[in-house]
Amino acid sequence: MDKTRELLVGSFDIYLGRSAQRSNDVMKTLTLVSAIALPAIVLAGIMGMNFKLPFFDEATNFWVVTGAMATLAIAILGVSRWRGWI
């Protein structure tokens, strides 16, 4: 009887460990996606504000901001890979 109980408790511990590992993997992915998207969201929010600056007069600055967003996303991915987070 005790052996059966120990086997059941052990298998439940394994199940909880796997479930926790899956949750950690999902949280890590969501955190990385958030870290990549945040700089682009901030830049888009600033560019979408209704105030007049000379920077907004040039149509080519759209590509500058888009390039900055892509550069920041690539830099964040590079740092996270270098640190071993992904």
PDB file of N, CA and C in Angstrom:
ATOM      1  N   MET A   1       0.817  -1.193   0.000  1.00  0.00           N
ATOM      2  CA  MET A   1       0.000   0.000   0.000  1.00  0.00           C
ATOM      3  C   MET A   1       0.860   1.256   0.000  1.00  0.00           C
ATOM      4  N   ASP A   2       1.905   1.286   0.823  1.00  0.00           N
ATOM      5  CA  ASP A   2       2.782   2.452   0.877  1.00  0.00           C
ATOM      6  C   ASP A   2       3.543   2.631  -0.432  1.00  0.00           C
ATOM      7  N   LYS A   3       3.938   1.524  -1.041  1.00  0.00           N
ATOM      8  CA  LYS A   3       4.673   1.609  -2.298  1.00  0.00           C
ATOM      9  C   LYS A   3       3.800   2.198  -3.399  1.00  0.00           C
ATOM     10  N   THR A   4       2.542   1.811  -3.435  1.00  0.00           N
ATOM     11  CA  THR A   4       1.614   2.344  -4.434  1.00  0.00           C
ATOM     12  C   THR A   4       1.420   3.841  -4.232  1.00  0.00           C
ATOM     13  N   ARG A   5       1.301   4.225  -2.991  1.00  0.00           N
ATOM     14  CA  ARG A   5       1.140   5.655  -2.685  1.00  0.00           C
ATOM     15  C   ARG A   5       2.374   6.433  -3.102  1.00  0.00           C
ATOM     16  N   GLU A   6       3.549   5.909  -2.819  1.00  0.00           N
ATOM     17  CA  GLU A   6       4.792   6.582  -3.208  1.00  0.00           C
ATOM     18  C   GLU A   6       4.906   6.700  -4.724  1.00  0.00           C
ATOM     19  N   LEU A   7       4.503   5.661  -5.447  1.00  0.00           N
ATOM     20  CA  LEU A   7       4.534   5.713  -6.905  1.00  0.00           C
ATOM     21  C   LEU A   7       3.572   6.771  -7.435  1.00  0.00           C
ATOM     22  N   LEU A   8       2.407   6.845  -6.834  1.00  0.00           N
ATOM     23  CA  LEU A   8       1.419   7.834  -7.259  1.00  0.00           C
ATOM     24  C   LEU A   8       1.905   9.250  -6.974  1.00  0.00           C
ATOM     25  N   VAL A   9       2.457   9.468  -5.798  1.00  0.00           N
ATOM     26  CA  VAL A   9       2.971  10.787  -5.436  1.00  0.00           C
ATOM     27  C   VAL A   9       4.148  11.153  -6.346  1.00  0.00           C
ATOM     28  N   GLY A  10       5.009  10.190  -6.641  1.00  0.00           N
ATOM     29  CA  GLY A  10       6.155  10.441  -7.525  1.00  0.00           C
ATOM     30  C   GLY A  10       5.718  10.798  -8.936  1.00  0.00           C
ATOM     31  N   SER A  11       4.742  10.082  -9.464  1.00  0.00           N
ATOM     32  CA  SER A  11       4.270  10.392 -10.814  1.00  0.00           C
ATOM     33  C   SER A  11       3.570  11.744 -10.848  1.00  0.00           C
ATOM     34  N   PHE A  12       2.870  12.107  -9.778  1.00  0.00           N
ATOM     35  CA  PHE A  12       2.241  13.417  -9.712  1.00  0.00           C
ATOM     36  C   PHE A  12       3.286  14.525  -9.650  1.00  0.00           C
ATOM     37  N   ASP A  13       4.378  14.282  -8.932  1.00  0.00           N
ATOM     38  CA  ASP A  13       5.469  15.262  -8.886  1.00  0.00           C
ATOM     39  C   ASP A  13       6.093  15.457 -10.263  1.00  0.00           C
ATOM     40  N   ILE A  14       6.262  14.377 -11.004  1.00  0.00           N
ATOM     41  CA  ILE A  14       6.799  14.481 -12.362  1.00  0.00           C
ATOM     42  C   ILE A  14       5.854  15.289 -13.237  1.00  0.00           C
ATOM     43  N   TYR A  15       4.559  15.023 -13.128  1.00  0.00           N
ATOM     44  CA  TYR A  15       3.572  15.765 -13.909  1.00  0.00           C
ATOM     45  C   TYR A  15       3.624  17.253 -13.572  1.00  0.00           C
ATOM     46  N   LEU A  16       3.695  17.591 -12.278  1.00  0.00           N
ATOM     47  CA  LEU A  16       3.750  18.995 -11.880  1.00  0.00           C
ATOM     48  C   LEU A  16       5.031  19.660 -12.374  1.00  0.00           C
ATOM     49  N   GLY A  17       6.128  18.932 -12.361  1.00  0.00           N
ATOM     50  CA  GLY A  17       7.389  19.475 -12.854  1.00  0.00           C
ATOM     51  C   GLY A  17       7.336  19.786 -14.341  1.00  0.00           C
ATOM     52  N   ARG A  18       6.767  18.883 -15.124  1.00  0.00           N
ATOM     53  CA  ARG A  18       6.631  19.122 -16.563  1.00  0.00           C
ATOM     54  C   ARG A  18       5.685  20.275 -16.839  1.00  0.00           C
ATOM     55  N   SER A  19       4.612  20.349 -16.096  1.00  0.00           N
ATOM     56  CA  SER A  19       3.662  21.435 -16.271  1.00  0.00           C
ATOM     57  C   SER A  19       4.307  22.784 -15.942  1.00  0.00           C
ATOM     58  N   ALA A  20       5.089  22.829 -14.886  1.00  0.00           N
ATOM     59  CA  ALA A  20       5.788  24.058 -14.517  1.00  0.00           C
ATOM     60  C   ALA A  20       6.817  24.439 -15.577  1.00  0.00           C
ATOM     61  N   GLN A  21       7.497  23.457 -16.147  1.00  0.00           N
ATOM     62  CA  GLN A  21       8.486  23.731 -17.191  1.00  0.00           C
ATOM     63  C   GLN A  21       7.808  24.322 -18.430  1.00  0.00           C
ATOM     64  N   ARG A  22       6.650  23.777 -18.806  1.00  0.00           N
ATOM     65  CA  ARG A  22       5.921  24.328 -19.955  1.00  0.00           C
ATOM     66  C   ARG A  22       5.487  25.760 -19.672  1.00  0.00           C
ATOM     67  N   SER A  23       5.028  26.028 -18.463  1.00  0.00           N
ATOM     68  CA  SER A  23       4.628  27.394 -18.103  1.00  0.00           C
ATOM     69  C   SER A  23       5.818  28.341 -18.159  1.00  0.00           C
ATOM     70  N   ASN A  24       6.966  27.902 -17.698  1.00  0.00           N
ATOM     71  CA  ASN A  24       8.170  28.728 -17.745  1.00  0.00           C
ATOM     72  C   ASN A  24       8.581  29.008 -19.183  1.00  0.00           C
ATOM     73  N   ASP A  25       8.478  28.029 -20.064  1.00  0.00           N
ATOM     74  CA  ASP A  25       8.820  28.232 -21.467  1.00  0.00           C
ATOM     75  C   ASP A  25       7.882  29.238 -22.122  1.00  0.00           C
ATOM     76  N   VAL A  26       6.604  29.144 -21.812  1.00  0.00           N
ATOM     77  CA  VAL A  26       5.630  30.088 -22.369  1.00  0.00           C
ATOM     78  C   VAL A  26       5.908  31.494 -21.849  1.00  0.00           C
ATOM     79  N   MET A  27       6.190  31.633 -20.575  1.00  0.00           N
ATOM     80  CA  MET A  27       6.471  32.943 -20.003  1.00  0.00           C
ATOM     81  C   MET A  27       7.740  33.544 -20.588  1.00  0.00           C
ATOM     82  N   LYS A  28       8.746  32.722 -20.828  1.00  0.00           N
ATOM     83  CA  LYS A  28       9.980  33.213 -21.432  1.00  0.00           C
ATOM     84  C   LYS A  28       9.723  33.728 -22.843  1.00  0.00           C
ATOM     85  N   THR A  29       8.911  33.011 -23.604  1.00  0.00           N
ATOM     86  CA  THR A  29       8.571  33.437 -24.962  1.00  0.00           C
ATOM     87  C   THR A  29       7.785  34.737 -24.944  1.00  0.00           C
ATOM     88  N   LEU A  30       6.793  34.837 -24.068  1.00  0.00           N
ATOM     89  CA  LEU A  30       6.004  36.061 -23.974  1.00  0.00           C
ATOM     90  C   LEU A  30       6.849  37.256 -23.536  1.00  0.00           C
ATOM     91  N   THR A  31       7.774  37.038 -22.649  1.00  0.00           N
ATOM     92  CA  THR A  31       8.654  38.108 -22.199  1.00  0.00           C
ATOM     93  C   THR A  31       9.547  38.587 -23.331  1.00  0.00           C
ATOM     94  N   LEU A  32      10.082  37.662 -24.111  1.00  0.00           N
ATOM     95  CA  LEU A  32      10.941  38.034 -25.231  1.00  0.00           C
ATOM     96  C   LEU A  32      10.150  38.789 -26.291  1.00  0.00           C
ATOM     97  N   VAL A  33       8.950  38.333 -26.596  1.00  0.00           N
ATOM     98  CA  VAL A  33       8.110  39.040 -27.573  1.00  0.00           C
ATOM     99  C   VAL A  33       7.785  40.447 -27.069  1.00  0.00           C
ATOM    100  N   SER A  34       7.499  40.575 -25.801  1.00  0.00           N
ATOM    101  CA  SER A  34       7.214  41.891 -25.224  1.00  0.00           C
ATOM    102  C   SER A  34       8.437  42.799 -25.285  1.00  0.00           C
ATOM    103  N   ALA A  35       9.606  42.258 -24.983  1.00  0.00           N
ATOM    104  CA  ALA A  35      10.831  43.052 -25.019  1.00  0.00           C
ATOM    105  C   ALA A  35      11.162  43.503 -26.436  1.00  0.00           C
ATOM    106  N   ILE A  36      10.823  42.692 -27.423  1.00  0.00           N
ATOM    107  CA  ILE A  36      11.082  43.075 -28.813  1.00  0.00           C
ATOM    108  C   ILE A  36      10.069  44.118 -29.271  1.00  0.00           C
ATOM    109  N   ALA A  37       8.819  43.973 -28.881  1.00  0.00           N
ATOM    110  CA  ALA A  37       7.762  44.855 -29.363  1.00  0.00           C
ATOM    111  C   ALA A  37       7.749  46.212 -28.657  1.00  0.00           C
ATOM    112  N   LEU A  38       8.198  46.286 -27.431  1.00  0.00           N
ATOM    113  CA  LEU A  38       8.073  47.525 -26.665  1.00  0.00           C
ATOM    114  C   LEU A  38       8.757  48.728 -27.309  1.00  0.00           C
ATOM    115  N   PRO A  39      10.011  48.646 -27.752  1.00  0.00           N
ATOM    116  CA  PRO A  39      10.622  49.827 -28.383  1.00  0.00           C
ATOM    117  C   PRO A  39       9.863  50.281 -29.633  1.00  0.00           C
ATOM    118  N   ALA A  40       9.385  49.334 -30.438  1.00  0.00           N
ATOM    119  CA  ALA A  40       8.630  49.690 -31.636  1.00  0.00           C
ATOM    120  C   ALA A  40       7.308  50.353 -31.265  1.00  0.00           C
ATOM    121  N   ILE A  41       6.664  49.878 -30.229  1.00  0.00           N
ATOM    122  CA  ILE A  41       5.399  50.473 -29.784  1.00  0.00           C
ATOM    123  C   ILE A  41       5.622  51.891 -29.272  1.00  0.00           C
ATOM    124  N   VAL A  42       6.693  52.108 -28.540  1.00  0.00           N
ATOM    125  CA  VAL A  42       6.998  53.445 -28.026  1.00  0.00           C
ATOM    126  C   VAL A  42       7.291  54.396 -29.181  1.00  0.00           C
ATOM    127  N   LEU A  43       8.108  53.962 -30.138  1.00  0.00           N
ATOM    128  CA  LEU A  43       8.405  54.813 -31.292  1.00  0.00           C
ATOM    129  C   LEU A  43       7.147  55.123 -32.106  1.00  0.00           C
ATOM    130  N   ALA A  44       6.301  54.131 -32.321  1.00  0.00           N
ATOM    131  CA  ALA A  44       5.062  54.357 -33.059  1.00  0.00           C
ATOM    132  C   ALA A  44       4.154  55.317 -32.302  1.00  0.00           C
ATOM    133  N   GLY A  45       4.106  55.212 -30.992  1.00  0.00           N
ATOM    134  CA  GLY A  45       3.296  56.126 -30.192  1.00  0.00           C
ATOM    135  C   GLY A  45       3.796  57.551 -30.263  1.00  0.00           C
ATOM    136  N   ILE A  46       5.109  57.728 -30.227  1.00  0.00           N
ATOM    137  CA  ILE A  46       5.680  59.074 -30.323  1.00  0.00           C
ATOM    138  C   ILE A  46       5.436  59.659 -31.704  1.00  0.00           C
ATOM    139  N   MET A  47       5.627  58.846 -32.731  1.00  0.00           N
ATOM    140  CA  MET A  47       5.422  59.339 -34.096  1.00  0.00           C
ATOM    141  C   MET A  47       3.955  59.627 -34.384  1.00  0.00           C
ATOM    142  N   GLY A  48       3.055  59.026 -33.675  1.00  0.00           N
ATOM    143  CA  GLY A  48       1.637  59.233 -33.901  1.00  0.00           C
ATOM    144  C   GLY A  48       1.033  60.388 -33.129  1.00  0.00           C
ATOM    145  N   MET A  49       1.840  61.080 -32.337  1.00  0.00           N
ATOM    146  CA  MET A  49       1.318  62.195 -31.553  1.00  0.00           C
ATOM    147  C   MET A  49       1.015  63.397 -32.455  1.00  0.00           C
ATOM    148  N   ASN A  50       0.083  64.212 -32.012  1.00  0.00           N
ATOM    149  CA  ASN A  50      -0.345  65.378 -32.790  1.00  0.00           C
ATOM    150  C   ASN A  50       0.371  66.646 -32.344  1.00  0.00           C
ATOM    151  N   PHE A  51       1.643  66.726 -32.608  1.00  0.00           N
ATOM    152  CA  PHE A  51       2.367  67.971 -32.413  1.00  0.00           C
ATOM    153  C   PHE A  51       3.347  68.125 -33.573  1.00  0.00           C
ATOM    154  N   LYS A  52       3.743  69.316 -33.831  1.00  0.00           N
ATOM    155  CA  LYS A  52       4.527  69.641 -35.016  1.00  0.00           C
ATOM    156  C   LYS A  52       6.006  69.743 -34.663  1.00  0.00           C
ATOM    157  N   LEU A  53       6.814  68.915 -35.319  1.00  0.00           N
ATOM    158  CA  LEU A  53       8.265  68.989 -35.226  1.00  0.00           C
ATOM    159  C   LEU A  53       8.830  68.938 -36.642  1.00  0.00           C
ATOM    160  N   PRO A  54       9.969  69.539 -36.871  1.00  0.00           N
ATOM    161  CA  PRO A  54      10.548  69.482 -38.211  1.00  0.00           C
ATOM    162  C   PRO A  54      10.858  68.051 -38.665  1.00  0.00           C
ATOM    163  N   PHE A  55      11.076  67.170 -37.723  1.00  0.00           N
ATOM    164  CA  PHE A  55      11.373  65.774 -38.063  1.00  0.00           C
ATOM    165  C   PHE A  55      10.225  65.122 -38.819  1.00  0.00           C
ATOM    166  N   PHE A  56       9.002  65.546 -38.519  1.00  0.00           N
ATOM    167  CA  PHE A  56       7.821  64.936 -39.139  1.00  0.00           C
ATOM    168  C   PHE A  56       7.564  65.428 -40.559  1.00  0.00           C
ATOM    169  N   ASP A  57       8.231  66.508 -40.970  1.00  0.00           N
ATOM    170  CA  ASP A  57       7.992  67.066 -42.299  1.00  0.00           C
ATOM    171  C   ASP A  57       8.601  66.211 -43.410  1.00  0.00           C
ATOM    172  N   GLU A  58       9.667  65.544 -43.148  1.00  0.00           N
ATOM    173  CA  GLU A  58      10.332  64.704 -44.151  1.00  0.00           C
ATOM    174  C   GLU A  58       9.629  63.360 -44.268  1.00  0.00           C
ATOM    175  N   ALA A  59       9.207  63.012 -45.477  1.00  0.00           N
ATOM    176  CA  ALA A  59       8.531  61.726 -45.688  1.00  0.00           C
ATOM    177  C   ALA A  59       9.495  60.555 -45.551  1.00  0.00           C
ATOM    178  N   THR A  60      10.772  60.790 -45.810  1.00  0.00           N
ATOM    179  CA  THR A  60      11.753  59.692 -45.725  1.00  0.00           C
ATOM    180  C   THR A  60      12.044  59.298 -44.284  1.00  0.00           C
ATOM    181  N   ASN A  61      11.679  60.150 -43.339  1.00  0.00           N
ATOM    182  CA  ASN A  61      11.916  59.804 -41.932  1.00  0.00           C
ATOM    183  C   ASN A  61      11.067  58.626 -41.479  1.00  0.00           C
ATOM    184  N   PHE A  62      10.007  58.324 -42.221  1.00  0.00           N
ATOM    185  CA  PHE A  62       9.233  57.109 -41.945  1.00  0.00           C
ATOM    186  C   PHE A  62      10.146  55.896 -42.015  1.00  0.00           C
ATOM    187  N   TRP A  63      10.993  55.848 -43.028  1.00  0.00           N
ATOM    188  CA  TRP A  63      11.904  54.704 -43.190  1.00  0.00           C
ATOM    189  C   TRP A  63      12.996  54.719 -42.129  1.00  0.00           C
ATOM    190  N   VAL A  64      13.367  55.895 -41.675  1.00  0.00           N
ATOM    191  CA  VAL A  64      14.348  55.986 -40.580  1.00  0.00           C
ATOM    192  C   VAL A  64      13.776  55.365 -39.313  1.00  0.00           C
ATOM    193  N   VAL A  65      12.543  55.721 -39.008  1.00  0.00           N
ATOM    194  CA  VAL A  65      11.897  55.179 -37.802  1.00  0.00           C
ATOM    195  C   VAL A  65      11.657  53.682 -37.949  1.00  0.00           C
ATOM    196  N   THR A  66      11.218  53.244 -39.133  1.00  0.00           N
ATOM    197  CA  THR A  66      11.018  51.813 -39.365  1.00  0.00           C
ATOM    198  C   THR A  66      12.337  51.058 -39.243  1.00  0.00           C
ATOM    199  N   GLY A  67      13.404  51.630 -39.768  1.00  0.00           N
ATOM    200  CA  GLY A  67      14.731  51.011 -39.624  1.00  0.00           C
ATOM    201  C   GLY A  67      15.181  50.961 -38.176  1.00  0.00           C
ATOM    202  N   ALA A  68      14.872  52.017 -37.417  1.00  0.00           N
ATOM    203  CA  ALA A  68      15.224  52.022 -35.990  1.00  0.00           C
ATOM    204  C   ALA A  68      14.475  50.926 -35.249  1.00  0.00           C
ATOM    205  N   MET A  69      13.205  50.737 -35.596  1.00  0.00           N
ATOM    206  CA  MET A  69      12.422  49.670 -34.969  1.00  0.00           C
ATOM    207  C   MET A  69      13.023  48.301 -35.275  1.00  0.00           C
ATOM    208  N   ALA A  70      13.369  48.070 -36.527  1.00  0.00           N
ATOM    209  CA  ALA A  70      13.963  46.783 -36.923  1.00  0.00           C
ATOM    210  C   ALA A  70      15.329  46.591 -36.277  1.00  0.00           C
ATOM    211  N   THR A  71      16.125  47.663 -36.224  1.00  0.00           N
ATOM    212  CA  THR A  71      17.449  47.571 -35.604  1.00  0.00           C
ATOM    213  C   THR A  71      17.347  47.234 -34.118  1.00  0.00           C
ATOM    214  N   LEU A  72      16.412  47.878 -33.431  1.00  0.00           N
ATOM    215  CA  LEU A  72      16.228  47.577 -32.008  1.00  0.00           C
ATOM    216  C   LEU A  72      15.763  46.131 -31.797  1.00  0.00           C
ATOM    217  N   ALA A  73      14.868  45.657 -32.651  1.00  0.00           N
ATOM    218  CA  ALA A  73      14.392  44.279 -32.522  1.00  0.00           C
ATOM    219  C   ALA A  73      15.535  43.292 -32.746  1.00  0.00           C
ATOM    220  N   ILE A  74      16.360  43.548 -33.758  1.00  0.00           N
ATOM    221  CA  ILE A  74      17.495  42.657 -34.037  1.00  0.00           C
ATOM    222  C   ILE A  74      18.517  42.723 -32.902  1.00  0.00           C
ATOM    223  N   ALA A  75      18.749  43.923 -32.367  1.00  0.00           N
ATOM    224  CA  ALA A  75      19.689  44.057 -31.254  1.00  0.00           C
ATOM    225  C   ALA A  75      19.203  43.300 -30.021  1.00  0.00           C
ATOM    226  N   ILE A  76      17.914  43.387 -29.722  1.00  0.00           N
ATOM    227  CA  ILE A  76      17.367  42.672 -28.563  1.00  0.00           C
ATOM    228  C   ILE A  76      17.485  41.165 -28.774  1.00  0.00           C
ATOM    229  N   LEU A  77      17.174  40.701 -29.976  1.00  0.00           N
ATOM    230  CA  LEU A  77      17.335  39.270 -30.265  1.00  0.00           C
ATOM    231  C   LEU A  77      18.790  38.843 -30.144  1.00  0.00           C
ATOM    232  N   GLY A  78      19.702  39.668 -30.640  1.00  0.00           N
ATOM    233  CA  GLY A  78      21.125  39.341 -30.548  1.00  0.00           C
ATOM    234  C   GLY A  78      21.616  39.265 -29.113  1.00  0.00           C
ATOM    235  N   VAL A  79      21.222  40.232 -28.308  1.00  0.00           N
ATOM    236  CA  VAL A  79      21.638  40.231 -26.901  1.00  0.00           C
ATOM    237  C   VAL A  79      21.044  39.035 -26.163  1.00  0.00           C
ATOM    238  N   SER A  80      19.783  38.729 -26.443  1.00  0.00           N
ATOM    239  CA  SER A  80      19.170  37.601 -25.745  1.00  0.00           C
ATOM    240  C   SER A  80      19.804  36.278 -26.162  1.00  0.00           C
ATOM    241  N   ARG A  81      20.205  36.160 -27.426  1.00  0.00           N
ATOM    242  CA  ARG A  81      20.905  34.945 -27.857  1.00  0.00           C
ATOM    243  C   ARG A  81      22.307  34.883 -27.246  1.00  0.00           C
ATOM    244  N   TRP A  82      22.988  36.034 -27.193  1.00  0.00           N
ATOM    245  CA  TRP A  82      24.331  36.093 -26.620  1.00  0.00           C
ATOM    246  C   TRP A  82      24.318  35.749 -25.129  1.00  0.00           C
ATOM    247  N   ARG A  83      23.272  36.178 -24.424  1.00  0.00           N
ATOM    248  CA  ARG A  83      23.161  35.884 -22.995  1.00  0.00           C
ATOM    249  C   ARG A  83      22.646  34.484 -22.718  1.00  0.00           C
ATOM    250  N   GLY A  84      22.201  33.779 -23.779  1.00  0.00           N
ATOM    251  CA  GLY A  84      21.724  32.414 -23.604  1.00  0.00           C
ATOM    252  C   GLY A  84      20.283  32.318 -23.170  1.00  0.00           C
ATOM    253  N   TRP A  85      19.516  33.371 -23.388  1.00  0.00           N
ATOM    254  CA  TRP A  85      18.116  33.364 -22.984  1.00  0.00           C
ATOM    255  C   TRP A  85      17.249  32.616 -23.979  1.00  0.00           C
ATOM    256  N   ILE A  86      17.705  32.515 -25.224  1.00  0.00           N
ATOM    257  CA  ILE A  86      16.959  31.758 -26.237  1.00  0.00           C
ATOM    258  C   ILE A  86      17.875  30.755 -26.882  1.00  0.00           C
TER     259      ILE A  86
END
